[in-house]
Amino acid sequence: MASGATKSLAFILLVLNLVLYGVVTFIAGWAVNYGIERSAQTASALTMPAHIFPIYYPIGNMATGFFVIFALIAGLVGVATSLSGISNILQWNVPNLLSAATYSTTTWLLTILAMGLACKEINIGFRDSNLRTLEVLTIILSATQLFCMAAIHFGAADVISRRR
């Protein structure tokens, strides 16, 4: 790929990921807040094993707590990575591209972890529409973050090869 095409592709994917990770963070934050507000009322009538996780989610199944927390972490790290990645891509030099590549790899791994929990939650069943939206966005983000990570790595390899 030419250097300009890689830069444009990485920039577009970073902006797309910034928006998607912002939406994931918003929905996961809402789910955590909803779970905290409803935990005392709903979990008080349950037997003891339901109290293992400190937040009981009445809108999902037993995998919801872990999925929402990891989706929130992945969303926050994704927003930070996208913002710093846009800054690094605009400068387009070796140290900044290697930094962006490292951040994007870390974010992709967190997103894959959240996607795995989303798949587990889908497998168990009984979810609210907001959780289904969060699951779909997490699965989409795992693919777009992979493409973004690949574009940044190709751009870094291209810049390094041009320096030699």
C-alpha atoms as a PDB file:
ATOM      1  CA  MET A   1       0.000   0.000   0.000  1.00  0.00           C
ATOM      2  CA  ALA A   2       1.116   3.498  -0.649  1.00  0.00           C
ATOM      3  CA  SER A   3       1.906   5.602   2.372  1.00  0.00           C
ATOM      4  CA  GLY A   4      -0.903   8.090   1.710  1.00  0.00           C
ATOM      5  CA  ALA A   5      -3.538   5.382   1.299  1.00  0.00           C
ATOM      6  CA  THR A   6      -2.471   3.687   4.514  1.00  0.00           C
ATOM      7  CA  LYS A   7      -2.533   6.980   6.376  1.00  0.00           C
ATOM      8  CA  SER A   8      -6.023   7.798   5.080  1.00  0.00           C
ATOM      9  CA  LEU A   9      -7.352   4.331   5.867  1.00  0.00           C
ATOM     10  CA  ALA A  10      -5.905   4.378   9.381  1.00  0.00           C
ATOM     11  CA  PHE A  11      -7.296   7.870  10.023  1.00  0.00           C
ATOM     12  CA  ILE A  12     -10.797   6.943   8.808  1.00  0.00           C
ATOM     13  CA  LEU A  13     -10.812   3.743  10.871  1.00  0.00           C
ATOM     14  CA  LEU A  14      -9.608   5.602  13.967  1.00  0.00           C
ATOM     15  CA  VAL A  15     -12.399   8.174  13.640  1.00  0.00           C
ATOM     16  CA  LEU A  16     -14.952   5.379  13.104  1.00  0.00           C
ATOM     17  CA  ASN A  17     -13.601   3.504  16.124  1.00  0.00           C
ATOM     18  CA  LEU A  18     -13.705   6.677  18.217  1.00  0.00           C
ATOM     19  CA  VAL A  19     -17.419   7.039  17.536  1.00  0.00           C
ATOM     20  CA  LEU A  20     -18.178   3.340  18.050  1.00  0.00           C
ATOM     21  CA  TYR A  21     -16.130   3.076  21.244  1.00  0.00           C
ATOM     22  CA  GLY A  22     -17.894   6.205  22.525  1.00  0.00           C
ATOM     23  CA  VAL A  23     -21.270   4.542  21.950  1.00  0.00           C
ATOM     24  CA  VAL A  24     -20.059   1.318  23.608  1.00  0.00           C
ATOM     25  CA  THR A  25     -18.820   3.307  26.612  1.00  0.00           C
ATOM     26  CA  PHE A  26     -22.138   5.129  26.873  1.00  0.00           C
ATOM     27  CA  ILE A  27     -24.256   1.947  26.703  1.00  0.00           C
ATOM     28  CA  ALA A  28     -21.975  -0.008  29.069  1.00  0.00           C
ATOM     29  CA  GLY A  29     -21.974   2.919  31.514  1.00  0.00           C
ATOM     30  CA  TRP A  30     -25.758   3.002  31.388  1.00  0.00           C
ATOM     31  CA  ALA A  31     -25.891  -0.753  32.031  1.00  0.00           C
ATOM     32  CA  VAL A  32     -23.565  -0.468  35.037  1.00  0.00           C
ATOM     33  CA  ASN A  33     -25.665   2.384  36.436  1.00  0.00           C
ATOM     34  CA  TYR A  34     -28.888   0.443  35.834  1.00  0.00           C
ATOM     35  CA  GLY A  35     -27.430  -2.622  37.503  1.00  0.00           C
ATOM     36  CA  ILE A  36     -26.278  -0.642  40.534  1.00  0.00           C
ATOM     37  CA  GLU A  37     -29.644   1.060  40.950  1.00  0.00           C
ATOM     38  CA  ARG A  38     -31.628  -2.189  40.631  1.00  0.00           C
ATOM     39  CA  SER A  39     -29.256  -4.537  42.521  1.00  0.00           C
ATOM     40  CA  ALA A  40     -30.603  -3.938  46.006  1.00  0.00           C
ATOM     41  CA  GLN A  41     -34.231  -4.527  45.058  1.00  0.00           C
ATOM     42  CA  THR A  42     -33.785  -7.467  42.717  1.00  0.00           C
ATOM     43  CA  ALA A  43     -30.963  -9.417  44.349  1.00  0.00           C
ATOM     44  CA  SER A  44     -32.439  -9.258  47.853  1.00  0.00           C
ATOM     45  CA  ALA A  45     -34.982 -11.921  46.898  1.00  0.00           C
ATOM     46  CA  LEU A  46     -32.410 -14.260  45.337  1.00  0.00           C
ATOM     47  CA  THR A  47     -30.492 -17.079  46.962  1.00  0.00           C
ATOM     48  CA  MET A  48     -26.868 -16.752  48.005  1.00  0.00           C
ATOM     49  CA  PRO A  49     -25.003 -17.680  44.764  1.00  0.00           C
ATOM     50  CA  ALA A  50     -26.511 -14.633  43.011  1.00  0.00           C
ATOM     51  CA  HIS A  51     -24.641 -12.370  45.448  1.00  0.00           C
ATOM     52  CA  ILE A  52     -21.190 -13.482  44.256  1.00  0.00           C
ATOM     53  CA  PHE A  53     -20.932 -10.623  41.749  1.00  0.00           C
ATOM     54  CA  PRO A  54     -21.512  -7.285  43.526  1.00  0.00           C
ATOM     55  CA  ILE A  55     -23.825  -5.965  40.800  1.00  0.00           C
ATOM     56  CA  TYR A  56     -26.817  -8.047  39.804  1.00  0.00           C
ATOM     57  CA  TYR A  57     -28.150  -7.267  36.322  1.00  0.00           C
ATOM     58  CA  PRO A  58     -31.897  -7.830  36.021  1.00  0.00           C
ATOM     59  CA  ILE A  59     -31.710  -7.065  32.276  1.00  0.00           C
ATOM     60  CA  GLY A  60     -29.500  -9.991  31.291  1.00  0.00           C
ATOM     61  CA  ASN A  61     -28.170 -13.352  32.315  1.00  0.00           C
ATOM     62  CA  MET A  62     -25.310 -14.508  34.548  1.00  0.00           C
ATOM     63  CA  ALA A  63     -22.657 -13.471  31.981  1.00  0.00           C
ATOM     64  CA  THR A  64     -23.946  -9.892  31.806  1.00  0.00           C
ATOM     65  CA  GLY A  65     -21.933  -8.572  34.742  1.00  0.00           C
ATOM     66  CA  PHE A  66     -18.603  -9.637  33.333  1.00  0.00           C
ATOM     67  CA  PHE A  67     -19.510  -8.605  29.793  1.00  0.00           C
ATOM     68  CA  VAL A  68     -20.653  -5.115  30.777  1.00  0.00           C
ATOM     69  CA  ILE A  69     -17.567  -4.437  32.912  1.00  0.00           C
ATOM     70  CA  PHE A  70     -15.152  -5.620  30.205  1.00  0.00           C
ATOM     71  CA  ALA A  71     -17.092  -3.746  27.508  1.00  0.00           C
ATOM     72  CA  LEU A  72     -16.819  -0.584  29.623  1.00  0.00           C
ATOM     73  CA  ILE A  73     -13.069  -1.084  30.062  1.00  0.00           C
ATOM     74  CA  ALA A  74     -12.602  -1.822  26.348  1.00  0.00           C
ATOM     75  CA  GLY A  75     -14.706   1.220  25.447  1.00  0.00           C
ATOM     76  CA  LEU A  76     -12.741   3.591  27.643  1.00  0.00           C
ATOM     77  CA  VAL A  77      -9.390   2.249  26.458  1.00  0.00           C
ATOM     78  CA  GLY A  78     -10.680   2.374  22.870  1.00  0.00           C
ATOM     79  CA  VAL A  79     -11.662   6.035  23.151  1.00  0.00           C
ATOM     80  CA  ALA A  80      -8.249   6.913  24.597  1.00  0.00           C
ATOM     81  CA  THR A  81      -6.462   4.841  21.957  1.00  0.00           C
ATOM     82  CA  SER A  82      -8.449   6.402  19.132  1.00  0.00           C
ATOM     83  CA  LEU A  83      -7.738   9.931  20.339  1.00  0.00           C
ATOM     84  CA  SER A  84      -4.015   9.306  20.774  1.00  0.00           C
ATOM     85  CA  GLY A  85      -3.927   7.283  17.548  1.00  0.00           C
ATOM     86  CA  ILE A  86      -5.398  10.160  15.552  1.00  0.00           C
ATOM     87  CA  SER A  87      -2.703  12.430  16.942  1.00  0.00           C
ATOM     88  CA  ASN A  88      -0.007   9.863  16.173  1.00  0.00           C
ATOM     89  CA  ILE A  89      -1.279   9.196  12.639  1.00  0.00           C
ATOM     90  CA  LEU A  90      -1.316  12.916  11.824  1.00  0.00           C
ATOM     91  CA  GLN A  91       2.381  13.160  12.733  1.00  0.00           C
ATOM     92  CA  TRP A  92       3.220   9.999  10.706  1.00  0.00           C
ATOM     93  CA  ASN A  93       6.739   9.235  11.898  1.00  0.00           C
ATOM     94  CA  VAL A  94       8.274   6.012  13.199  1.00  0.00           C
ATOM     95  CA  PRO A  95       8.043   6.581  16.985  1.00  0.00           C
ATOM     96  CA  ASN A  96       4.435   7.782  16.797  1.00  0.00           C
ATOM     97  CA  LEU A  97       3.362   4.955  14.494  1.00  0.00           C
ATOM     98  CA  LEU A  98       4.979   2.339  16.731  1.00  0.00           C
ATOM     99  CA  SER A  99       3.216   3.891  19.722  1.00  0.00           C
ATOM    100  CA  ALA A 100      -0.111   3.840  17.875  1.00  0.00           C
ATOM    101  CA  ALA A 101       0.514   0.207  16.860  1.00  0.00           C
ATOM    102  CA  THR A 102       1.108  -0.804  20.472  1.00  0.00           C
ATOM    103  CA  TYR A 103      -1.994   0.990  21.719  1.00  0.00           C
ATOM    104  CA  SER A 104      -4.162  -0.437  18.944  1.00  0.00           C
ATOM    105  CA  THR A 105      -2.968  -3.975  19.699  1.00  0.00           C
ATOM    106  CA  THR A 106      -3.791  -3.577  23.389  1.00  0.00           C
ATOM    107  CA  THR A 107      -7.230  -2.188  22.583  1.00  0.00           C
ATOM    108  CA  TRP A 108      -7.903  -4.981  20.110  1.00  0.00           C
ATOM    109  CA  LEU A 109      -7.037  -7.607  22.725  1.00  0.00           C
ATOM    110  CA  LEU A 110      -9.406  -6.013  25.268  1.00  0.00           C
ATOM    111  CA  THR A 111     -12.115  -5.810  22.619  1.00  0.00           C
ATOM    112  CA  ILE A 112     -11.615  -9.482  21.743  1.00  0.00           C
ATOM    113  CA  LEU A 113     -12.017 -10.349  25.433  1.00  0.00           C
ATOM    114  CA  ALA A 114     -15.272  -8.365  25.598  1.00  0.00           C
ATOM    115  CA  MET A 115     -16.399  -9.972  22.328  1.00  0.00           C
ATOM    116  CA  GLY A 116     -15.812 -13.431  23.788  1.00  0.00           C
ATOM    117  CA  LEU A 117     -17.976 -12.543  26.764  1.00  0.00           C
ATOM    118  CA  ALA A 118     -20.611 -11.150  24.383  1.00  0.00           C
ATOM    119  CA  CYS A 119     -20.627 -14.454  22.515  1.00  0.00           C
ATOM    120  CA  LYS A 120     -21.037 -16.299  25.812  1.00  0.00           C
ATOM    121  CA  GLU A 121     -23.933 -14.039  26.741  1.00  0.00           C
ATOM    122  CA  ILE A 122     -25.561 -14.654  23.354  1.00  0.00           C
ATOM    123  CA  ASN A 123     -25.107 -18.381  23.883  1.00  0.00           C
ATOM    124  CA  ILE A 124     -26.815 -18.289  27.297  1.00  0.00           C
ATOM    125  CA  GLY A 125     -29.717 -16.168  26.009  1.00  0.00           C
ATOM    126  CA  PHE A 126     -32.355 -13.876  27.606  1.00  0.00           C
ATOM    127  CA  ARG A 127     -31.027 -10.365  27.005  1.00  0.00           C
ATOM    128  CA  ASP A 128     -32.446  -6.872  26.835  1.00  0.00           C
ATOM    129  CA  SER A 129     -32.360  -4.918  23.543  1.00  0.00           C
ATOM    130  CA  ASN A 130     -29.734  -2.529  24.946  1.00  0.00           C
ATOM    131  CA  LEU A 131     -27.475  -5.471  25.729  1.00  0.00           C
ATOM    132  CA  ARG A 132     -27.999  -6.860  22.234  1.00  0.00           C
ATOM    133  CA  THR A 133     -26.915  -3.498  20.834  1.00  0.00           C
ATOM    134  CA  LEU A 134     -23.825  -3.549  23.054  1.00  0.00           C
ATOM    135  CA  GLU A 135     -23.026  -7.099  21.915  1.00  0.00           C
ATOM    136  CA  VAL A 136     -23.371  -6.212  18.233  1.00  0.00           C
ATOM    137  CA  LEU A 137     -21.214  -3.101  18.600  1.00  0.00           C
ATOM    138  CA  THR A 138     -18.545  -5.077  20.456  1.00  0.00           C
ATOM    139  CA  ILE A 139     -18.448  -7.695  17.705  1.00  0.00           C
ATOM    140  CA  ILE A 140     -18.272  -5.014  14.993  1.00  0.00           C
ATOM    141  CA  LEU A 141     -15.535  -3.188  16.902  1.00  0.00           C
ATOM    142  CA  SER A 142     -13.426  -6.322  17.134  1.00  0.00           C
ATOM    143  CA  ALA A 143     -13.307  -6.379  13.311  1.00  0.00           C
ATOM    144  CA  THR A 144     -12.818  -2.649  12.752  1.00  0.00           C
ATOM    145  CA  GLN A 145     -10.106  -2.491  15.410  1.00  0.00           C
ATOM    146  CA  LEU A 146      -8.346  -5.416  13.708  1.00  0.00           C
ATOM    147  CA  PHE A 147      -8.393  -3.569  10.368  1.00  0.00           C
ATOM    148  CA  CYS A 148      -7.225  -0.373  12.055  1.00  0.00           C
ATOM    149  CA  MET A 149      -4.410  -2.223  13.800  1.00  0.00           C
ATOM    150  CA  ALA A 150      -3.346  -3.800  10.491  1.00  0.00           C
ATOM    151  CA  ALA A 151      -3.386  -0.423   8.705  1.00  0.00           C
ATOM    152  CA  ILE A 152      -1.225   1.149  11.413  1.00  0.00           C
ATOM    153  CA  HIS A 153       1.211  -1.777  11.338  1.00  0.00           C
ATOM    154  CA  PHE A 154       1.447  -1.608   7.524  1.00  0.00           C
ATOM    155  CA  GLY A 155       1.996   2.152   7.732  1.00  0.00           C
ATOM    156  CA  ALA A 156       4.749   1.711  10.318  1.00  0.00           C
ATOM    157  CA  ALA A 157       6.421  -0.963   8.186  1.00  0.00           C
ATOM    158  CA  ASP A 158       6.173   1.304   5.132  1.00  0.00           C
ATOM    159  CA  VAL A 159       7.712   4.281   6.945  1.00  0.00           C
ATOM    160  CA  ILE A 160      10.502   2.105   8.356  1.00  0.00           C
ATOM    161  CA  SER A 161      11.277   0.634   4.929  1.00  0.00           C
ATOM    162  CA  ARG A 162      11.397   4.114   3.363  1.00  0.00           C
ATOM    163  CA  ARG A 163      13.929   5.243   5.959  1.00  0.00           C
ATOM    164  CA  ARG A 164      16.351   2.469   5.042  1.00  0.00           C
END
